Amino acid sequence: TAMALDRYFAICYPLYYSKVCFKPWPWL
C-alpha cells in the first residue's frame, strides 16, 4: 500500500512530493 501511495504522490504531485519527502523518509 505504501509503494502504491508513494508512486501516486510522486507522479500526480511531483513538486509537493519533492518538497515534503526528505532523505530518510522511505526508512521512516
mmCIF file of all heavy atoms, coordinates in Angstrom:
data_MODEL
# 
_entry.id   MODEL 
# 
loop_
_atom_site.group_PDB 
_atom_site.id 
_atom_site.type_symbol 
_atom_site.label_atom_id 
_atom_site.label_alt_id 
_atom_site.label_comp_id 
_atom_site.label_asym_id 
_atom_site.label_entity_id 
_atom_site.label_seq_id 
_atom_site.pdbx_PDB_ins_code 
_atom_site.Cartn_x 
_atom_site.Cartn_y 
_atom_site.Cartn_z 
_atom_site.occupancy 
_atom_site.B_iso_or_equiv 
_atom_site.pdbx_formal_charge 
_atom_site.auth_seq_id 
_atom_site.auth_comp_id 
_atom_site.auth_asym_id 
_atom_site.auth_atom_id 
_atom_site.pdbx_PDB_model_num 
ATOM 1   N N   . THR A 1 1  ? 0.834  -1.205 0.000   1.00 0.00 ? 1  THR A N   1 
ATOM 2   C CA  . THR A 1 1  ? 0.000  0.000  0.000   1.00 0.00 ? 1  THR A CA  1 
ATOM 3   C C   . THR A 1 1  ? 0.867  1.252  0.000   1.00 0.00 ? 1  THR A C   1 
ATOM 4   O O   . THR A 1 1  ? 0.593  2.218  -0.728  1.00 0.00 ? 1  THR A O   1 
ATOM 5   C CB  . THR A 1 1  ? -0.928 0.008  1.223   1.00 0.00 ? 1  THR A CB  1 
ATOM 6   O OG1 . THR A 1 1  ? -1.660 -1.214 1.271   1.00 0.00 ? 1  THR A OG1 1 
ATOM 7   C CG2 . THR A 1 1  ? -1.911 1.159  1.149   1.00 0.00 ? 1  THR A CG2 1 
ATOM 8   N N   . ALA A 1 2  ? 1.928  1.253  0.813   1.00 0.00 ? 2  ALA A N   1 
ATOM 9   C CA  . ALA A 1 2  ? 2.841  2.399  0.853   1.00 0.00 ? 2  ALA A CA  1 
ATOM 10  C C   . ALA A 1 2  ? 3.542  2.598  -0.487  1.00 0.00 ? 2  ALA A C   1 
ATOM 11  O O   . ALA A 1 2  ? 3.758  3.742  -0.923  1.00 0.00 ? 2  ALA A O   1 
ATOM 12  C CB  . ALA A 1 2  ? 3.872  2.194  1.963   1.00 0.00 ? 2  ALA A CB  1 
ATOM 13  N N   . MET A 1 3  ? 3.887  1.512  -1.183  1.00 0.00 ? 3  MET A N   1 
ATOM 14  C CA  . MET A 1 3  ? 4.512  1.619  -2.508  1.00 0.00 ? 3  MET A CA  1 
ATOM 15  C C   . MET A 1 3  ? 3.571  2.271  -3.506  1.00 0.00 ? 3  MET A C   1 
ATOM 16  O O   . MET A 1 3  ? 3.977  3.133  -4.304  1.00 0.00 ? 3  MET A O   1 
ATOM 17  C CB  . MET A 1 3  ? 4.921  0.232  -2.999  1.00 0.00 ? 3  MET A CB  1 
ATOM 18  C CG  . MET A 1 3  ? 6.018  -0.423 -2.186  1.00 0.00 ? 3  MET A CG  1 
ATOM 19  S SD  . MET A 1 3  ? 6.303  -2.147 -2.618  1.00 0.00 ? 3  MET A SD  1 
ATOM 20  C CE  . MET A 1 3  ? 7.111  -1.972 -4.199  1.00 0.00 ? 3  MET A CE  1 
ATOM 21  N N   . ALA A 1 4  ? 2.286  1.875  -3.454  1.00 0.00 ? 4  ALA A N   1 
ATOM 22  C CA  . ALA A 1 4  ? 1.303  2.464  -4.381  1.00 0.00 ? 4  ALA A CA  1 
ATOM 23  C C   . ALA A 1 4  ? 1.079  3.940  -4.066  1.00 0.00 ? 4  ALA A C   1 
ATOM 24  O O   . ALA A 1 4  ? 1.036  4.775  -4.984  1.00 0.00 ? 4  ALA A O   1 
ATOM 25  C CB  . ALA A 1 4  ? -0.015 1.692  -4.280  1.00 0.00 ? 4  ALA A CB  1 
ATOM 26  N N   . LEU A 1 5  ? 0.947  4.286  -2.797  1.00 0.00 ? 5  LEU A N   1 
ATOM 27  C CA  . LEU A 1 5  ? 0.730  5.681  -2.416  1.00 0.00 ? 5  LEU A CA  1 
ATOM 28  C C   . LEU A 1 5  ? 1.957  6.541  -2.726  1.00 0.00 ? 5  LEU A C   1 
ATOM 29  O O   . LEU A 1 5  ? 1.822  7.703  -3.133  1.00 0.00 ? 5  LEU A O   1 
ATOM 30  C CB  . LEU A 1 5  ? 0.394  5.773  -0.930  1.00 0.00 ? 5  LEU A CB  1 
ATOM 31  C CG  . LEU A 1 5  ? -0.954 5.157  -0.506  1.00 0.00 ? 5  LEU A CG  1 
ATOM 32  C CD1 . LEU A 1 5  ? -1.110 5.197  1.002   1.00 0.00 ? 5  LEU A CD1 1 
ATOM 33  C CD2 . LEU A 1 5  ? -2.107 5.887  -1.184  1.00 0.00 ? 5  LEU A CD2 1 
ATOM 34  N N   . ASP A 1 6  ? 3.149  5.968  -2.544  1.00 0.00 ? 6  ASP A N   1 
ATOM 35  C CA  . ASP A 1 6  ? 4.376  6.703  -2.862  1.00 0.00 ? 6  ASP A CA  1 
ATOM 36  C C   . ASP A 1 6  ? 4.439  7.036  -4.344  1.00 0.00 ? 6  ASP A C   1 
ATOM 37  O O   . ASP A 1 6  ? 4.759  8.168  -4.731  1.00 0.00 ? 6  ASP A O   1 
ATOM 38  C CB  . ASP A 1 6  ? 5.587  5.875  -2.443  1.00 0.00 ? 6  ASP A CB  1 
ATOM 39  C CG  . ASP A 1 6  ? 6.895  6.525  -2.860  1.00 0.00 ? 6  ASP A CG  1 
ATOM 40  O OD1 . ASP A 1 6  ? 7.310  7.489  -2.189  1.00 0.00 ? 6  ASP A OD1 1 
ATOM 41  O OD2 . ASP A 1 6  ? 7.500  6.068  -3.855  1.00 0.00 ? 6  ASP A OD2 1 
ATOM 42  N N   . ARG A 1 7  ? 4.123  6.068  -5.214  1.00 0.00 ? 7  ARG A N   1 
ATOM 43  C CA  . ARG A 1 7  ? 4.113  6.329  -6.655  1.00 0.00 ? 7  ARG A CA  1 
ATOM 44  C C   . ARG A 1 7  ? 3.006  7.319  -7.031  1.00 0.00 ? 7  ARG A C   1 
ATOM 45  O O   . ARG A 1 7  ? 3.175  8.117  -7.954  1.00 0.00 ? 7  ARG A O   1 
ATOM 46  C CB  . ARG A 1 7  ? 3.928  5.028  -7.428  1.00 0.00 ? 7  ARG A CB  1 
ATOM 47  C CG  . ARG A 1 7  ? 5.096  4.076  -7.376  1.00 0.00 ? 7  ARG A CG  1 
ATOM 48  C CD  . ARG A 1 7  ? 6.365  4.689  -7.964  1.00 0.00 ? 7  ARG A CD  1 
ATOM 49  N NE  . ARG A 1 7  ? 7.131  5.457  -6.995  1.00 0.00 ? 7  ARG A NE  1 
ATOM 50  C CZ  . ARG A 1 7  ? 8.011  6.380  -7.283  1.00 0.00 ? 7  ARG A CZ  1 
ATOM 51  N NH1 . ARG A 1 7  ? 8.216  6.717  -8.542  1.00 0.00 ? 7  ARG A NH1 1 
ATOM 52  N NH2 . ARG A 1 7  ? 8.673  7.020  -6.353  1.00 0.00 ? 7  ARG A NH2 1 
ATOM 53  N N   . TYR A 1 8  ? 1.883  7.229  -6.330  1.00 0.00 ? 8  TYR A N   1 
ATOM 54  C CA  . TYR A 1 8  ? 0.769  8.138  -6.615  1.00 0.00 ? 8  TYR A CA  1 
ATOM 55  C C   . TYR A 1 8  ? 1.168  9.588  -6.365  1.00 0.00 ? 8  TYR A C   1 
ATOM 56  O O   . TYR A 1 8  ? 0.972  10.459 -7.226  1.00 0.00 ? 8  TYR A O   1 
ATOM 57  C CB  . TYR A 1 8  ? -0.433 7.759  -5.754  1.00 0.00 ? 8  TYR A CB  1 
ATOM 58  C CG  . TYR A 1 8  ? -1.516 8.811  -5.697  1.00 0.00 ? 8  TYR A CG  1 
ATOM 59  C CD1 . TYR A 1 8  ? -2.320 9.083  -6.801  1.00 0.00 ? 8  TYR A CD1 1 
ATOM 60  C CD2 . TYR A 1 8  ? -1.729 9.537  -4.536  1.00 0.00 ? 8  TYR A CD2 1 
ATOM 61  C CE1 . TYR A 1 8  ? -3.301 10.048 -6.757  1.00 0.00 ? 8  TYR A CE1 1 
ATOM 62  C CE2 . TYR A 1 8  ? -2.724 10.508 -4.473  1.00 0.00 ? 8  TYR A CE2 1 
ATOM 63  C CZ  . TYR A 1 8  ? -3.503 10.755 -5.579  1.00 0.00 ? 8  TYR A CZ  1 
ATOM 64  O OH  . TYR A 1 8  ? -4.480 11.725 -5.521  1.00 0.00 ? 8  TYR A OH  1 
ATOM 65  N N   . PHE A 1 9  ? 1.754  9.864  -5.206  1.00 0.00 ? 9  PHE A N   1 
ATOM 66  C CA  . PHE A 1 9  ? 2.158  11.240 -4.892  1.00 0.00 ? 9  PHE A CA  1 
ATOM 67  C C   . PHE A 1 9  ? 3.336  11.690 -5.746  1.00 0.00 ? 9  PHE A C   1 
ATOM 68  O O   . PHE A 1 9  ? 3.420  12.860 -6.125  1.00 0.00 ? 9  PHE A O   1 
ATOM 69  C CB  . PHE A 1 9  ? 2.509  11.353 -3.402  1.00 0.00 ? 9  PHE A CB  1 
ATOM 70  C CG  . PHE A 1 9  ? 1.313  11.354 -2.500  1.00 0.00 ? 9  PHE A CG  1 
ATOM 71  C CD1 . PHE A 1 9  ? 1.041  10.277 -1.687  1.00 0.00 ? 9  PHE A CD1 1 
ATOM 72  C CD2 . PHE A 1 9  ? 0.440  12.442 -2.476  1.00 0.00 ? 9  PHE A CD2 1 
ATOM 73  C CE1 . PHE A 1 9  ? -0.074 10.270 -0.856  1.00 0.00 ? 9  PHE A CE1 1 
ATOM 74  C CE2 . PHE A 1 9  ? -0.673 12.444 -1.652  1.00 0.00 ? 9  PHE A CE2 1 
ATOM 75  C CZ  . PHE A 1 9  ? -0.933 11.356 -0.839  1.00 0.00 ? 9  PHE A CZ  1 
ATOM 76  N N   . ALA A 1 10 ? 4.244  10.758 -6.077  1.00 0.00 ? 10 ALA A N   1 
ATOM 77  C CA  . ALA A 1 10 ? 5.402  11.132 -6.895  1.00 0.00 ? 10 ALA A CA  1 
ATOM 78  C C   . ALA A 1 10 ? 5.009  11.494 -8.318  1.00 0.00 ? 10 ALA A C   1 
ATOM 79  O O   . ALA A 1 10 ? 5.606  12.385 -8.930  1.00 0.00 ? 10 ALA A O   1 
ATOM 80  C CB  . ALA A 1 10 ? 6.411  9.988  -6.902  1.00 0.00 ? 10 ALA A CB  1 
ATOM 81  N N   . ILE A 1 11 ? 3.987  10.821 -8.863  1.00 0.00 ? 11 ILE A N   1 
ATOM 82  C CA  . ILE A 1 11 ? 3.576  11.058 -10.252 1.00 0.00 ? 11 ILE A CA  1 
ATOM 83  C C   . ILE A 1 11 ? 2.532  12.160 -10.353 1.00 0.00 ? 11 ILE A C   1 
ATOM 84  O O   . ILE A 1 11 ? 2.612  13.028 -11.234 1.00 0.00 ? 11 ILE A O   1 
ATOM 85  C CB  . ILE A 1 11 ? 3.035  9.744  -10.862 1.00 0.00 ? 11 ILE A CB  1 
ATOM 86  C CG1 . ILE A 1 11 ? 4.174  8.719  -10.978 1.00 0.00 ? 11 ILE A CG1 1 
ATOM 87  C CG2 . ILE A 1 11 ? 2.398  9.985  -12.231 1.00 0.00 ? 11 ILE A CG2 1 
ATOM 88  C CD1 . ILE A 1 11 ? 3.731  7.343  -11.418 1.00 0.00 ? 11 ILE A CD1 1 
ATOM 89  N N   . CYS A 1 12 ? 1.564  12.147 -9.454  1.00 0.00 ? 12 CYS A N   1 
ATOM 90  C CA  . CYS A 1 12 ? 0.462  13.114 -9.543  1.00 0.00 ? 12 CYS A CA  1 
ATOM 91  C C   . CYS A 1 12 ? 0.789  14.448 -8.892  1.00 0.00 ? 12 CYS A C   1 
ATOM 92  O O   . CYS A 1 12 ? 0.229  15.484 -9.279  1.00 0.00 ? 12 CYS A O   1 
ATOM 93  C CB  . CYS A 1 12 ? -0.802 12.522 -8.921  1.00 0.00 ? 12 CYS A CB  1 
ATOM 94  S SG  . CYS A 1 12 ? -1.379 11.027 -9.747  1.00 0.00 ? 12 CYS A SG  1 
ATOM 95  N N   . TYR A 1 13 ? 1.665  14.458 -7.903  1.00 0.00 ? 13 TYR A N   1 
ATOM 96  C CA  . TYR A 1 13 ? 2.041  15.703 -7.217  1.00 0.00 ? 13 TYR A CA  1 
ATOM 97  C C   . TYR A 1 13 ? 3.565  15.764 -7.079  1.00 0.00 ? 13 TYR A C   1 
ATOM 98  O O   . TYR A 1 13 ? 4.102  15.697 -5.970  1.00 0.00 ? 13 TYR A O   1 
ATOM 99  C CB  . TYR A 1 13 ? 1.380  15.780 -5.835  1.00 0.00 ? 13 TYR A CB  1 
ATOM 100 C CG  . TYR A 1 13 ? -0.115 15.672 -5.866  1.00 0.00 ? 13 TYR A CG  1 
ATOM 101 C CD1 . TYR A 1 13 ? -0.739 14.449 -5.603  1.00 0.00 ? 13 TYR A CD1 1 
ATOM 102 C CD2 . TYR A 1 13 ? -0.922 16.766 -6.166  1.00 0.00 ? 13 TYR A CD2 1 
ATOM 103 C CE1 . TYR A 1 13 ? -2.117 14.333 -5.639  1.00 0.00 ? 13 TYR A CE1 1 
ATOM 104 C CE2 . TYR A 1 13 ? -2.308 16.665 -6.201  1.00 0.00 ? 13 TYR A CE2 1 
ATOM 105 C CZ  . TYR A 1 13 ? -2.894 15.438 -5.930  1.00 0.00 ? 13 TYR A CZ  1 
ATOM 106 O OH  . TYR A 1 13 ? -4.261 15.321 -5.961  1.00 0.00 ? 13 TYR A OH  1 
ATOM 107 N N   . PRO A 1 14 ? 4.287  15.883 -8.195  1.00 0.00 ? 14 PRO A N   1 
ATOM 108 C CA  . PRO A 1 14 ? 5.758  15.801 -8.142  1.00 0.00 ? 14 PRO A CA  1 
ATOM 109 C C   . PRO A 1 14 ? 6.406  16.946 -7.365  1.00 0.00 ? 14 PRO A C   1 
ATOM 110 O O   . PRO A 1 14 ? 7.372  16.720 -6.630  1.00 0.00 ? 14 PRO A O   1 
ATOM 111 C CB  . PRO A 1 14 ? 6.159  15.835 -9.623  1.00 0.00 ? 14 PRO A CB  1 
ATOM 112 C CG  . PRO A 1 14 ? 5.000  16.447 -10.332 1.00 0.00 ? 14 PRO A CG  1 
ATOM 113 C CD  . PRO A 1 14 ? 3.781  16.072 -9.558  1.00 0.00 ? 14 PRO A CD  1 
ATOM 114 N N   . LEU A 1 15 ? 5.904  18.171 -7.511  1.00 0.00 ? 15 LEU A N   1 
ATOM 115 C CA  . LEU A 1 15 ? 6.503  19.298 -6.806  1.00 0.00 ? 15 LEU A CA  1 
ATOM 116 C C   . LEU A 1 15 ? 6.302  19.172 -5.304  1.00 0.00 ? 15 LEU A C   1 
ATOM 117 O O   . LEU A 1 15 ? 7.231  19.377 -4.507  1.00 0.00 ? 15 LEU A O   1 
ATOM 118 C CB  . LEU A 1 15 ? 5.912  20.620 -7.319  1.00 0.00 ? 15 LEU A CB  1 
ATOM 119 C CG  . LEU A 1 15 ? 6.168  20.933 -8.796  1.00 0.00 ? 15 LEU A CG  1 
ATOM 120 C CD1 . LEU A 1 15 ? 5.486  22.232 -9.190  1.00 0.00 ? 15 LEU A CD1 1 
ATOM 121 C CD2 . LEU A 1 15 ? 7.666  21.014 -9.067  1.00 0.00 ? 15 LEU A CD2 1 
ATOM 122 N N   . TYR A 1 16 ? 5.098  18.847 -4.903  1.00 0.00 ? 16 TYR A N   1 
ATOM 123 C CA  . TYR A 1 16 ? 4.803  18.670 -3.484  1.00 0.00 ? 16 TYR A CA  1 
ATOM 124 C C   . TYR A 1 16 ? 5.582  17.488 -2.915  1.00 0.00 ? 16 TYR A C   1 
ATOM 125 O O   . TYR A 1 16 ? 6.084  17.535 -1.783  1.00 0.00 ? 16 TYR A O   1 
ATOM 126 C CB  . TYR A 1 16 ? 3.300  18.449 -3.309  1.00 0.00 ? 16 TYR A CB  1 
ATOM 127 C CG  . TYR A 1 16 ? 2.854  18.268 -1.881  1.00 0.00 ? 16 TYR A CG  1 
ATOM 128 C CD1 . TYR A 1 16 ? 2.751  19.356 -1.018  1.00 0.00 ? 16 TYR A CD1 1 
ATOM 129 C CD2 . TYR A 1 16 ? 2.526  16.999 -1.400  1.00 0.00 ? 16 TYR A CD2 1 
ATOM 130 C CE1 . TYR A 1 16 ? 2.357  19.176 0.300   1.00 0.00 ? 16 TYR A CE1 1 
ATOM 131 C CE2 . TYR A 1 16 ? 2.125  16.811 -0.089  1.00 0.00 ? 16 TYR A CE2 1 
ATOM 132 C CZ  . TYR A 1 16 ? 2.038  17.906 0.750   1.00 0.00 ? 16 TYR A CZ  1 
ATOM 133 O OH  . TYR A 1 16 ? 1.644  17.719 2.050   1.00 0.00 ? 16 TYR A OH  1 
ATOM 134 N N   . TYR A 1 17 ? 5.729  16.448 -3.704  1.00 0.00 ? 17 TYR A N   1 
ATOM 135 C CA  . TYR A 1 17 ? 6.449  15.250 -3.262  1.00 0.00 ? 17 TYR A CA  1 
ATOM 136 C C   . TYR A 1 17 ? 7.923  15.553 -3.025  1.00 0.00 ? 17 TYR A C   1 
ATOM 137 O O   . TYR A 1 17 ? 8.512  15.107 -2.033  1.00 0.00 ? 17 TYR A O   1 
ATOM 138 C CB  . TYR A 1 17 ? 6.294  14.157 -4.318  1.00 0.00 ? 17 TYR A CB  1 
ATOM 139 C CG  . TYR A 1 17 ? 6.984  12.852 -3.991  1.00 0.00 ? 17 TYR A CG  1 
ATOM 140 C CD1 . TYR A 1 17 ? 6.373  11.910 -3.176  1.00 0.00 ? 17 TYR A CD1 1 
ATOM 141 C CD2 . TYR A 1 17 ? 8.245  12.557 -4.517  1.00 0.00 ? 17 TYR A CD2 1 
ATOM 142 C CE1 . TYR A 1 17 ? 6.998  10.701 -2.878  1.00 0.00 ? 17 TYR A CE1 1 
ATOM 143 C CE2 . TYR A 1 17 ? 8.881  11.359 -4.228  1.00 0.00 ? 17 TYR A CE2 1 
ATOM 144 C CZ  . TYR A 1 17 ? 8.245  10.444 -3.410  1.00 0.00 ? 17 TYR A CZ  1 
ATOM 145 O OH  . TYR A 1 17 ? 8.877  9.256  -3.120  1.00 0.00 ? 17 TYR A OH  1 
ATOM 146 N N   . SER A 1 18 ? 8.543  16.307 -3.935  1.00 0.00 ? 18 SER A N   1 
ATOM 147 C CA  . SER A 1 18 ? 9.963  16.637 -3.789  1.00 0.00 ? 18 SER A CA  1 
ATOM 148 C C   . SER A 1 18 ? 10.232 17.557 -2.604  1.00 0.00 ? 18 SER A C   1 
ATOM 149 O O   . SER A 1 18 ? 11.309 17.511 -2.013  1.00 0.00 ? 18 SER A O   1 
ATOM 150 C CB  . SER A 1 18 ? 10.487 17.292 -5.075  1.00 0.00 ? 18 SER A CB  1 
ATOM 151 O OG  . SER A 1 18 ? 9.752  18.479 -5.349  1.00 0.00 ? 18 SER A OG  1 
ATOM 152 N N   . LYS A 1 19 ? 9.249  18.376 -2.233  1.00 0.00 ? 19 LYS A N   1 
ATOM 153 C CA  . LYS A 1 19 ? 9.432  19.280 -1.095  1.00 0.00 ? 19 LYS A CA  1 
ATOM 154 C C   . LYS A 1 19 ? 9.258  18.561 0.239   1.00 0.00 ? 19 LYS A C   1 
ATOM 155 O O   . LYS A 1 19 ? 9.992  18.819 1.194   1.00 0.00 ? 19 LYS A O   1 
ATOM 156 C CB  . LYS A 1 19 ? 8.418  20.433 -1.175  1.00 0.00 ? 19 LYS A CB  1 
ATOM 157 C CG  . LYS A 1 19 ? 8.704  21.425 -2.292  1.00 0.00 ? 19 LYS A CG  1 
ATOM 158 C CD  . LYS A 1 19 ? 7.649  22.524 -2.298  1.00 0.00 ? 19 LYS A CD  1 
ATOM 159 C CE  . LYS A 1 19 ? 7.902  23.523 -3.420  1.00 0.00 ? 19 LYS A CE  1 
ATOM 160 N NZ  . LYS A 1 19 ? 6.874  24.587 -3.462  1.00 0.00 ? 19 LYS A NZ  1 
ATOM 161 N N   . VAL A 1 20 ? 8.270  17.685 0.291   1.00 0.00 ? 20 VAL A N   1 
ATOM 162 C CA  . VAL A 1 20 ? 7.938  17.034 1.570   1.00 0.00 ? 20 VAL A CA  1 
ATOM 163 C C   . VAL A 1 20 ? 8.885  15.882 1.876   1.00 0.00 ? 20 VAL A C   1 
ATOM 164 O O   . VAL A 1 20 ? 9.326  15.717 3.020   1.00 0.00 ? 20 VAL A O   1 
ATOM 165 C CB  . VAL A 1 20 ? 6.477  16.522 1.542   1.00 0.00 ? 20 VAL A CB  1 
ATOM 166 C CG1 . VAL A 1 20 ? 6.173  15.683 2.784   1.00 0.00 ? 20 VAL A CG1 1 
ATOM 167 C CG2 . VAL A 1 20 ? 5.519  17.700 1.450   1.00 0.00 ? 20 VAL A CG2 1 
ATOM 168 N N   . CYS A 1 21 ? 9.214  15.064 0.880   1.00 0.00 ? 21 CYS A N   1 
ATOM 169 C CA  . CYS A 1 21 ? 9.993  13.848 1.121   1.00 0.00 ? 21 CYS A CA  1 
ATOM 170 C C   . CYS A 1 21 ? 11.471 14.191 1.270   1.00 0.00 ? 21 CYS A C   1 
ATOM 171 O O   . CYS A 1 21 ? 12.101 14.697 0.338   1.00 0.00 ? 21 CYS A O   1 
ATOM 172 C CB  . CYS A 1 21 ? 9.806  12.864 -0.033  1.00 0.00 ? 21 CYS A CB  1 
ATOM 173 S SG  . CYS A 1 21 ? 8.106  12.266 -0.144  1.00 0.00 ? 21 CYS A SG  1 
ATOM 174 N N   . PHE A 1 22 ? 12.030 13.938 2.449   1.00 0.00 ? 22 PHE A N   1 
ATOM 175 C CA  . PHE A 1 22 ? 13.443 14.157 2.711   1.00 0.00 ? 22 PHE A CA  1 
ATOM 176 C C   . PHE A 1 22 ? 14.173 12.817 2.649   1.00 0.00 ? 22 PHE A C   1 
ATOM 177 O O   . PHE A 1 22 ? 13.564 11.769 2.411   1.00 0.00 ? 22 PHE A O   1 
ATOM 178 C CB  . PHE A 1 22 ? 13.642 14.842 4.065   1.00 0.00 ? 22 PHE A CB  1 
ATOM 179 C CG  . PHE A 1 22 ? 12.840 14.225 5.180   1.00 0.00 ? 22 PHE A CG  1 
ATOM 180 C CD1 . PHE A 1 22 ? 13.404 13.286 6.007   1.00 0.00 ? 22 PHE A CD1 1 
ATOM 181 C CD2 . PHE A 1 22 ? 11.517 14.610 5.398   1.00 0.00 ? 22 PHE A CD2 1 
ATOM 182 C CE1 . PHE A 1 22 ? 12.679 12.722 7.026   1.00 0.00 ? 22 PHE A CE1 1 
ATOM 183 C CE2 . PHE A 1 22 ? 10.781 14.043 6.424   1.00 0.00 ? 22 PHE A CE2 1 
ATOM 184 C CZ  . PHE A 1 22 ? 11.360 13.095 7.239   1.00 0.00 ? 22 PHE A CZ  1 
ATOM 185 N N   . LYS A 1 23 ? 15.491 12.833 2.891   1.00 0.00 ? 23 LYS A N   1 
ATOM 186 C CA  . LYS A 1 23 ? 16.330 11.668 2.622   1.00 0.00 ? 23 LYS A CA  1 
ATOM 187 C C   . LYS A 1 23 ? 15.927 10.419 3.409   1.00 0.00 ? 23 LYS A C   1 
ATOM 188 O O   . LYS A 1 23 ? 15.766 9.338  2.815   1.00 0.00 ? 23 LYS A O   1 
ATOM 189 C CB  . LYS A 1 23 ? 17.790 12.031 2.894   1.00 0.00 ? 23 LYS A CB  1 
ATOM 190 C CG  . LYS A 1 23 ? 18.763 11.036 2.286   1.00 0.00 ? 23 LYS A CG  1 
ATOM 191 C CD  . LYS A 1 23 ? 20.183 11.554 2.377   1.00 0.00 ? 23 LYS A CD  1 
ATOM 192 C CE  . LYS A 1 23 ? 21.135 10.599 1.672   1.00 0.00 ? 23 LYS A CE  1 
ATOM 193 N NZ  . LYS A 1 23 ? 22.524 11.086 1.719   1.00 0.00 ? 23 LYS A NZ  1 
ATOM 194 N N   . PRO A 1 24 ? 15.767 10.490 4.753   1.00 0.00 ? 24 PRO A N   1 
ATOM 195 C CA  . PRO A 1 24 ? 15.403 9.254  5.474   1.00 0.00 ? 24 PRO A CA  1 
ATOM 196 C C   . PRO A 1 24 ? 13.921 8.910  5.416   1.00 0.00 ? 24 PRO A C   1 
ATOM 197 O O   . PRO A 1 24 ? 13.470 8.003  6.122   1.00 0.00 ? 24 PRO A O   1 
ATOM 198 C CB  . PRO A 1 24 ? 15.828 9.558  6.923   1.00 0.00 ? 24 PRO A CB  1 
ATOM 199 C CG  . PRO A 1 24 ? 15.742 11.027 7.045   1.00 0.00 ? 24 PRO A CG  1 
ATOM 200 C CD  . PRO A 1 24 ? 16.026 11.588 5.684   1.00 0.00 ? 24 PRO A CD  1 
ATOM 201 N N   . TRP A 1 25 ? 13.162 9.612  4.581   1.00 0.00 ? 25 TRP A N   1 
ATOM 202 C CA  . TRP A 1 25 ? 11.714 9.409  4.505   1.00 0.00 ? 25 TRP A CA  1 
ATOM 203 C C   . TRP A 1 25 ? 11.325 7.961  4.218   1.00 0.00 ? 25 TRP A C   1 
ATOM 204 O O   . TRP A 1 25 ? 10.476 7.395  4.919   1.00 0.00 ? 25 TRP A O   1 
ATOM 205 C CB  . TRP A 1 25 ? 11.131 10.352 3.446   1.00 0.00 ? 25 TRP A CB  1 
ATOM 206 C CG  . TRP A 1 25 ? 9.739  10.050 3.018   1.00 0.00 ? 25 TRP A CG  1 
ATOM 207 C CD1 . TRP A 1 25 ? 9.340  9.476  1.864   1.00 0.00 ? 25 TRP A CD1 1 
ATOM 208 C CD2 . TRP A 1 25 ? 8.532  10.314 3.745   1.00 0.00 ? 25 TRP A CD2 1 
ATOM 209 N NE1 . TRP A 1 25 ? 7.978  9.370  1.805   1.00 0.00 ? 25 TRP A NE1 1 
ATOM 210 C CE2 . TRP A 1 25 ? 7.452  9.882  2.964   1.00 0.00 ? 25 TRP A CE2 1 
ATOM 211 C CE3 . TRP A 1 25 ? 8.263  10.882 4.991   1.00 0.00 ? 25 TRP A CE3 1 
ATOM 212 C CZ2 . TRP A 1 25 ? 6.132  9.977  3.374   1.00 0.00 ? 25 TRP A CZ2 1 
ATOM 213 C CZ3 . TRP A 1 25 ? 6.949  10.988 5.406   1.00 0.00 ? 25 TRP A CZ3 1 
ATOM 214 C CH2 . TRP A 1 25 ? 5.903  10.544 4.604   1.00 0.00 ? 25 TRP A CH2 1 
ATOM 215 N N   . PRO A 1 26 ? 11.911 7.287  3.217   1.00 0.00 ? 26 PRO A N   1 
ATOM 216 C CA  . PRO A 1 26 ? 11.482 5.898  2.948   1.00 0.00 ? 26 PRO A CA  1 
ATOM 217 C C   . PRO A 1 26 ? 11.779 4.941  4.093   1.00 0.00 ? 26 PRO A C   1 
ATOM 218 O O   . PRO A 1 26 ? 11.033 3.989  4.317   1.00 0.00 ? 26 PRO A O   1 
ATOM 219 C CB  . PRO A 1 26 ? 12.259 5.520  1.687   1.00 0.00 ? 26 PRO A CB  1 
ATOM 220 C CG  . PRO A 1 26 ? 13.339 6.516  1.560   1.00 0.00 ? 26 PRO A CG  1 
ATOM 221 C CD  . PRO A 1 26 ? 12.870 7.751  2.206   1.00 0.00 ? 26 PRO A CD  1 
ATOM 222 N N   . TRP A 1 27 ? 12.862 5.186  4.868   1.00 0.00 ? 27 TRP A N   1 
ATOM 223 C CA  . TRP A 1 27 ? 13.158 4.311  6.003   1.00 0.00 ? 27 TRP A CA  1 
ATOM 224 C C   . TRP A 1 27 ? 12.160 4.540  7.129   1.00 0.00 ? 27 TRP A C   1 
ATOM 225 O O   . TRP A 1 27 ? 11.796 3.597  7.847   1.00 0.00 ? 27 TRP A O   1 
ATOM 226 C CB  . TRP A 1 27 ? 14.581 4.552  6.488   1.00 0.00 ? 27 TRP A CB  1 
ATOM 227 C CG  . TRP A 1 27 ? 15.606 4.193  5.465   1.00 0.00 ? 27 TRP A CG  1 
ATOM 228 C CD1 . TRP A 1 27 ? 16.292 5.048  4.655   1.00 0.00 ? 27 TRP A CD1 1 
ATOM 229 C CD2 . TRP A 1 27 ? 16.048 2.882  5.111   1.00 0.00 ? 27 TRP A CD2 1 
ATOM 230 N NE1 . TRP A 1 27 ? 17.126 4.362  3.824   1.00 0.00 ? 27 TRP A NE1 1 
ATOM 231 C CE2 . TRP A 1 27 ? 17.015 3.031  4.083   1.00 0.00 ? 27 TRP A CE2 1 
ATOM 232 C CE3 . TRP A 1 27 ? 15.739 1.602  5.566   1.00 0.00 ? 27 TRP A CE3 1 
ATOM 233 C CZ2 . TRP A 1 27 ? 17.653 1.938  3.504   1.00 0.00 ? 27 TRP A CZ2 1 
ATOM 234 C CZ3 . TRP A 1 27 ? 16.368 0.512  4.998   1.00 0.00 ? 27 TRP A CZ3 1 
ATOM 235 C CH2 . TRP A 1 27 ? 17.318 0.681  3.977   1.00 0.00 ? 27 TRP A CH2 1 
ATOM 236 N N   . LEU A 1 28 ? 11.696 5.763  7.277   1.00 0.00 ? 28 LEU A N   1 
ATOM 237 C CA  . LEU A 1 28 ? 10.678 6.051  8.288   1.00 0.00 ? 28 LEU A CA  1 
ATOM 238 C C   . LEU A 1 28 ? 9.344  5.394  7.929   1.00 0.00 ? 28 LEU A C   1 
ATOM 239 O O   . LEU A 1 28 ? 8.579  5.005  8.810   1.00 0.00 ? 28 LEU A O   1 
ATOM 240 C CB  . LEU A 1 28 ? 10.508 7.565  8.450   1.00 0.00 ? 28 LEU A CB  1 
ATOM 241 C CG  . LEU A 1 28 ? 11.705 8.309  9.031   1.00 0.00 ? 28 LEU A CG  1 
ATOM 242 C CD1 . LEU A 1 28 ? 11.426 9.811  9.078   1.00 0.00 ? 28 LEU A CD1 1 
ATOM 243 C CD2 . LEU A 1 28 ? 12.045 7.790  10.424  1.00 0.00 ? 28 LEU A CD2 1 
# 
